[in-house]
N, C-alpha and C. Protein backbone atom coordinates (compact mmCIF):
# COMPACT_ATOMS: atom_id res chain seq x y z
N UNK A 1 -7.46 11.51 28.52
CA UNK A 1 -8.45 11.03 27.59
C UNK A 1 -8.81 9.61 27.98
N UNK A 2 -10.06 9.28 27.92
CA UNK A 2 -10.47 7.93 28.32
C UNK A 2 -10.83 7.09 27.10
N UNK A 3 -10.75 5.77 27.26
CA UNK A 3 -11.10 4.83 26.21
C UNK A 3 -12.61 4.77 26.08
N UNK A 4 -13.12 5.12 24.91
CA UNK A 4 -14.57 5.09 24.71
C UNK A 4 -15.00 3.94 23.82
N UNK A 5 -14.04 3.10 23.38
CA UNK A 5 -14.41 2.00 22.50
C UNK A 5 -15.10 0.89 23.25
N UNK A 6 -14.63 0.61 24.46
CA UNK A 6 -15.22 -0.43 25.27
C UNK A 6 -15.11 -1.82 24.67
N UNK A 7 -14.30 -1.97 23.64
CA UNK A 7 -14.25 -3.25 22.95
C UNK A 7 -13.20 -4.19 23.50
N UNK A 8 -12.16 -3.66 24.12
CA UNK A 8 -11.06 -4.51 24.56
C UNK A 8 -10.24 -5.05 23.40
N UNK A 9 -10.56 -4.66 22.19
CA UNK A 9 -9.88 -5.13 20.98
C UNK A 9 -8.64 -4.28 20.75
N UNK A 10 -7.47 -4.93 20.61
CA UNK A 10 -6.21 -4.20 20.41
C UNK A 10 -6.26 -3.35 19.16
N UNK A 11 -7.07 -3.75 18.16
CA UNK A 11 -7.16 -2.96 16.93
C UNK A 11 -7.89 -1.65 17.17
N UNK A 12 -8.58 -1.51 18.29
CA UNK A 12 -9.30 -0.28 18.58
C UNK A 12 -8.37 0.81 19.11
N UNK A 13 -7.09 0.49 19.36
CA UNK A 13 -6.14 1.48 19.85
C UNK A 13 -5.39 2.12 18.70
N UNK A 14 -4.99 3.36 18.90
CA UNK A 14 -4.11 3.99 17.94
C UNK A 14 -2.77 3.29 17.98
N UNK A 15 -2.10 3.19 16.86
CA UNK A 15 -0.79 2.57 16.78
C UNK A 15 0.15 3.54 16.09
N UNK A 16 1.35 3.66 16.60
CA UNK A 16 2.38 4.52 16.02
C UNK A 16 3.50 3.63 15.51
N UNK A 17 3.86 3.78 14.25
CA UNK A 17 4.97 3.03 13.67
C UNK A 17 6.00 4.07 13.23
N UNK A 18 7.11 4.12 13.95
CA UNK A 18 8.18 5.07 13.62
C UNK A 18 8.88 4.64 12.33
N UNK A 19 9.46 5.59 11.63
CA UNK A 19 10.15 5.30 10.36
C UNK A 19 11.19 4.20 10.54
N UNK A 20 11.87 4.19 11.67
CA UNK A 20 12.92 3.19 11.92
C UNK A 20 12.35 1.79 12.15
N UNK A 21 11.02 1.68 12.33
CA UNK A 21 10.39 0.39 12.61
C UNK A 21 9.79 -0.28 11.37
N UNK A 22 9.94 0.32 10.19
CA UNK A 22 9.40 -0.31 8.98
C UNK A 22 10.07 -1.66 8.78
N UNK A 23 9.32 -2.60 8.22
CA UNK A 23 9.83 -3.96 8.02
C UNK A 23 9.93 -4.29 6.53
N UNK A 24 11.06 -4.84 6.12
CA UNK A 24 11.20 -5.30 4.73
C UNK A 24 10.76 -6.75 4.60
N UNK A 25 10.21 -7.32 5.67
CA UNK A 25 9.72 -8.70 5.66
C UNK A 25 8.32 -8.74 5.05
N UNK A 26 8.24 -8.39 3.77
CA UNK A 26 6.99 -8.38 3.01
C UNK A 26 7.32 -8.74 1.58
N UNK A 27 6.32 -8.96 0.75
CA UNK A 27 6.57 -9.37 -0.64
C UNK A 27 7.49 -8.37 -1.34
N UNK A 28 8.47 -8.88 -2.05
CA UNK A 28 9.42 -8.04 -2.78
C UNK A 28 9.38 -8.39 -4.27
N UNK A 29 9.72 -7.43 -5.10
CA UNK A 29 9.75 -7.58 -6.55
C UNK A 29 11.09 -7.05 -7.04
N UNK A 30 11.73 -7.71 -8.00
CA UNK A 30 12.99 -7.16 -8.54
C UNK A 30 12.80 -5.72 -9.01
N UNK A 31 13.73 -4.85 -8.65
CA UNK A 31 13.65 -3.44 -9.02
C UNK A 31 12.85 -2.60 -8.06
N UNK A 32 12.27 -3.24 -7.03
CA UNK A 32 11.47 -2.52 -6.03
C UNK A 32 11.93 -2.92 -4.65
N UNK A 33 11.81 -1.98 -3.72
CA UNK A 33 12.07 -2.28 -2.31
C UNK A 33 10.85 -1.84 -1.52
N UNK A 34 10.15 -2.79 -0.90
CA UNK A 34 8.96 -2.47 -0.12
C UNK A 34 9.29 -2.55 1.37
N UNK A 35 8.75 -1.59 2.12
CA UNK A 35 8.88 -1.58 3.58
C UNK A 35 7.48 -1.43 4.15
N UNK A 36 7.09 -2.36 4.99
CA UNK A 36 5.74 -2.42 5.55
C UNK A 36 5.66 -1.64 6.86
N UNK A 37 4.61 -0.83 7.00
CA UNK A 37 4.38 -0.09 8.23
C UNK A 37 3.07 -0.55 8.88
N UNK A 38 1.97 -0.45 8.13
CA UNK A 38 0.65 -0.76 8.66
C UNK A 38 0.05 -1.90 7.85
N UNK A 39 -0.30 -2.98 8.54
CA UNK A 39 -0.89 -4.15 7.89
C UNK A 39 -1.55 -4.99 8.97
N UNK A 40 -2.21 -6.05 8.54
CA UNK A 40 -2.82 -6.96 9.50
C UNK A 40 -1.75 -7.57 10.40
N UNK A 41 -0.67 -8.01 9.79
CA UNK A 41 0.40 -8.67 10.54
C UNK A 41 1.10 -7.72 11.51
N UNK A 42 1.33 -6.49 11.09
CA UNK A 42 2.11 -5.56 11.91
C UNK A 42 1.30 -4.90 13.02
N UNK A 43 0.09 -4.45 12.72
CA UNK A 43 -0.67 -3.69 13.72
C UNK A 43 -2.11 -4.17 13.91
N UNK A 44 -2.49 -5.24 13.21
CA UNK A 44 -3.86 -5.74 13.33
C UNK A 44 -4.85 -5.06 12.42
N UNK A 45 -4.38 -4.28 11.43
CA UNK A 45 -5.28 -3.62 10.49
C UNK A 45 -6.10 -4.68 9.75
N UNK A 46 -7.34 -4.38 9.48
CA UNK A 46 -8.21 -5.37 8.83
C UNK A 46 -8.19 -5.25 7.31
N UNK A 47 -8.22 -4.04 6.78
CA UNK A 47 -8.38 -3.90 5.32
C UNK A 47 -7.49 -2.83 4.70
N UNK A 48 -6.38 -2.52 5.32
CA UNK A 48 -5.49 -1.52 4.72
C UNK A 48 -4.04 -1.99 4.85
N UNK A 49 -3.26 -1.69 3.83
CA UNK A 49 -1.82 -1.90 3.85
C UNK A 49 -1.20 -0.55 3.57
N UNK A 50 -0.17 -0.19 4.33
CA UNK A 50 0.50 1.08 4.13
C UNK A 50 1.98 0.89 4.41
N UNK A 51 2.80 1.45 3.57
CA UNK A 51 4.24 1.35 3.74
C UNK A 51 4.93 2.19 2.69
N UNK A 52 6.18 1.86 2.42
CA UNK A 52 6.95 2.58 1.41
C UNK A 52 7.36 1.60 0.32
N UNK A 53 7.30 2.06 -0.92
CA UNK A 53 7.82 1.30 -2.05
C UNK A 53 8.75 2.21 -2.82
N UNK A 54 9.95 1.75 -3.04
CA UNK A 54 10.93 2.50 -3.83
C UNK A 54 11.24 1.67 -5.06
N UNK A 55 11.19 2.33 -6.22
CA UNK A 55 11.42 1.63 -7.49
C UNK A 55 12.59 2.25 -8.24
N UNK A 56 13.33 1.40 -8.93
CA UNK A 56 14.35 1.92 -9.83
C UNK A 56 13.64 2.36 -11.11
N UNK A 57 14.16 3.37 -11.81
CA UNK A 57 13.53 3.82 -13.06
C UNK A 57 13.34 2.65 -14.03
N UNK A 58 12.16 2.56 -14.61
CA UNK A 58 11.86 1.51 -15.58
C UNK A 58 11.40 0.20 -14.98
N UNK A 59 11.43 0.06 -13.66
CA UNK A 59 11.00 -1.19 -13.01
C UNK A 59 9.49 -1.35 -13.14
N UNK A 60 9.03 -2.60 -13.18
CA UNK A 60 7.61 -2.91 -13.24
C UNK A 60 7.32 -4.01 -12.23
N UNK A 61 6.20 -3.91 -11.56
CA UNK A 61 5.86 -4.89 -10.53
C UNK A 61 5.30 -6.17 -11.12
N UNK A 62 4.83 -6.16 -12.34
CA UNK A 62 4.08 -7.29 -12.87
C UNK A 62 2.66 -7.24 -12.33
N UNK A 63 1.74 -7.93 -12.98
CA UNK A 63 0.34 -7.92 -12.54
C UNK A 63 0.22 -8.55 -11.16
N UNK A 64 -0.53 -7.90 -10.28
CA UNK A 64 -0.76 -8.41 -8.94
C UNK A 64 -1.97 -7.69 -8.33
N UNK A 65 -2.43 -8.18 -7.19
CA UNK A 65 -3.43 -7.46 -6.39
C UNK A 65 -3.03 -7.60 -4.93
N UNK A 66 -3.67 -6.86 -4.08
CA UNK A 66 -3.30 -6.81 -2.67
C UNK A 66 -4.26 -7.60 -1.79
N UNK A 67 -4.90 -8.61 -2.35
CA UNK A 67 -5.83 -9.41 -1.56
C UNK A 67 -6.96 -8.56 -1.03
N UNK A 68 -7.35 -8.77 0.21
CA UNK A 68 -8.47 -8.02 0.77
C UNK A 68 -8.08 -6.67 1.36
N UNK A 69 -6.86 -6.24 1.11
CA UNK A 69 -6.41 -4.94 1.62
C UNK A 69 -6.62 -3.83 0.60
N UNK A 70 -7.20 -2.73 1.04
CA UNK A 70 -7.22 -1.52 0.23
C UNK A 70 -5.86 -0.85 0.42
N UNK A 71 -5.41 -0.14 -0.61
CA UNK A 71 -4.10 0.50 -0.53
C UNK A 71 -4.21 1.94 -1.00
N UNK A 72 -3.63 2.84 -0.23
CA UNK A 72 -3.49 4.23 -0.64
C UNK A 72 -2.04 4.49 -0.97
N UNK A 73 -1.79 5.15 -2.09
CA UNK A 73 -0.42 5.40 -2.55
C UNK A 73 -0.23 6.90 -2.70
N UNK A 74 0.86 7.41 -2.16
CA UNK A 74 1.24 8.81 -2.32
C UNK A 74 2.55 8.83 -3.09
N UNK A 75 2.60 9.60 -4.17
CA UNK A 75 3.79 9.65 -5.02
C UNK A 75 4.72 10.75 -4.51
N UNK A 76 5.91 10.33 -4.06
CA UNK A 76 6.91 11.29 -3.58
C UNK A 76 7.76 11.86 -4.71
N UNK A 77 8.15 11.00 -5.65
CA UNK A 77 9.00 11.46 -6.76
C UNK A 77 8.82 10.53 -7.95
N UNK A 78 9.25 10.99 -9.10
CA UNK A 78 9.12 10.21 -10.32
C UNK A 78 7.73 10.33 -10.91
N UNK A 79 7.48 9.53 -11.94
CA UNK A 79 6.20 9.54 -12.65
C UNK A 79 5.75 8.11 -12.92
N UNK A 80 5.46 7.33 -11.87
CA UNK A 80 5.04 5.95 -12.09
C UNK A 80 3.75 5.86 -12.89
N UNK A 81 3.67 4.84 -13.74
CA UNK A 81 2.48 4.58 -14.54
C UNK A 81 1.76 3.38 -13.93
N UNK A 82 0.47 3.52 -13.68
CA UNK A 82 -0.36 2.44 -13.15
C UNK A 82 -1.21 1.89 -14.28
N UNK A 83 -1.24 0.57 -14.41
CA UNK A 83 -1.99 -0.11 -15.47
C UNK A 83 -2.97 -1.07 -14.81
N UNK A 84 -4.23 -1.04 -15.27
CA UNK A 84 -5.27 -1.91 -14.71
C UNK A 84 -6.36 -2.11 -15.76
N UNK A 85 -7.25 -3.06 -15.52
CA UNK A 85 -8.37 -3.32 -16.43
C UNK A 85 -9.63 -2.68 -15.87
N UNK A 86 -10.41 -2.09 -16.77
CA UNK A 86 -11.69 -1.51 -16.39
C UNK A 86 -12.65 -1.68 -17.55
N UNK A 87 -13.82 -2.24 -17.30
CA UNK A 87 -14.81 -2.50 -18.35
C UNK A 87 -14.21 -3.28 -19.51
N UNK A 88 -13.35 -4.25 -19.19
CA UNK A 88 -12.76 -5.10 -20.20
C UNK A 88 -11.65 -4.47 -21.03
N UNK A 89 -11.25 -3.26 -20.69
CA UNK A 89 -10.18 -2.57 -21.43
C UNK A 89 -9.02 -2.27 -20.50
N UNK A 90 -7.83 -2.25 -21.08
CA UNK A 90 -6.66 -1.84 -20.30
C UNK A 90 -6.65 -0.33 -20.18
N UNK A 91 -6.49 0.15 -18.96
CA UNK A 91 -6.37 1.59 -18.71
C UNK A 91 -5.04 1.84 -18.06
N UNK A 92 -4.51 3.02 -18.27
CA UNK A 92 -3.25 3.39 -17.64
C UNK A 92 -3.29 4.88 -17.33
N UNK A 93 -2.63 5.25 -16.26
CA UNK A 93 -2.45 6.67 -15.99
C UNK A 93 -1.07 6.90 -15.40
N UNK A 94 -0.49 8.03 -15.79
CA UNK A 94 0.82 8.44 -15.29
C UNK A 94 0.59 9.36 -14.11
N UNK A 95 1.39 9.18 -13.08
CA UNK A 95 1.27 10.00 -11.89
C UNK A 95 2.48 10.92 -11.75
N UNK A 96 2.37 11.87 -10.85
CA UNK A 96 3.43 12.85 -10.61
C UNK A 96 3.57 13.06 -9.11
N UNK A 97 4.69 13.63 -8.68
CA UNK A 97 4.87 13.91 -7.26
C UNK A 97 3.69 14.70 -6.68
N UNK A 98 3.22 14.26 -5.52
CA UNK A 98 2.09 14.89 -4.87
C UNK A 98 0.76 14.22 -5.17
N UNK A 99 0.72 13.32 -6.17
CA UNK A 99 -0.52 12.62 -6.52
C UNK A 99 -0.79 11.48 -5.53
N UNK A 100 -2.05 11.09 -5.46
CA UNK A 100 -2.49 9.94 -4.67
C UNK A 100 -3.16 8.92 -5.59
N UNK A 101 -3.05 7.66 -5.25
CA UNK A 101 -3.72 6.59 -5.99
C UNK A 101 -4.42 5.70 -4.96
N UNK A 102 -5.67 5.36 -5.22
CA UNK A 102 -6.41 4.41 -4.39
C UNK A 102 -6.53 3.10 -5.15
N UNK A 103 -6.14 2.00 -4.52
CA UNK A 103 -6.24 0.67 -5.12
C UNK A 103 -7.23 -0.14 -4.28
N UNK A 104 -8.42 -0.45 -4.82
CA UNK A 104 -9.38 -1.26 -4.08
C UNK A 104 -8.88 -2.69 -3.87
N UNK A 105 -9.44 -3.37 -2.92
CA UNK A 105 -9.09 -4.77 -2.66
C UNK A 105 -9.34 -5.62 -3.90
N UNK A 106 -8.47 -6.58 -4.13
CA UNK A 106 -8.58 -7.58 -5.19
C UNK A 106 -8.53 -7.04 -6.62
N UNK A 107 -8.18 -5.77 -6.83
CA UNK A 107 -8.12 -5.23 -8.19
C UNK A 107 -6.72 -5.44 -8.76
N UNK A 108 -6.58 -6.27 -9.82
CA UNK A 108 -5.27 -6.50 -10.43
C UNK A 108 -4.75 -5.22 -11.08
N UNK A 109 -3.47 -5.01 -10.95
CA UNK A 109 -2.82 -3.83 -11.52
C UNK A 109 -1.32 -4.08 -11.59
N UNK A 110 -0.63 -3.15 -12.23
CA UNK A 110 0.84 -3.16 -12.22
C UNK A 110 1.31 -1.72 -12.32
């Protein structure tokens, strides 16, 4: 297969991050353990963060946003509740194993 990007930009290449290569050198919250796989720092991604987050039952992240990174979340187990503001009102939804959540850049949530 040949390179058709012609950009010479390292971000134009596919990157493989093995499970053993995840990094815990990322923001941490009490009751949560985050492991970073795909980010600007790790692979040169421009607008996505991807990794693993493990939470103890009842843990809460507190209000935060992910800066200019969009985030996709896949629920492996448990029923995490996501809380965010929309149209000036607090909204929340409970998730279940197999669900996905999309978090746009700069959207505060917990």
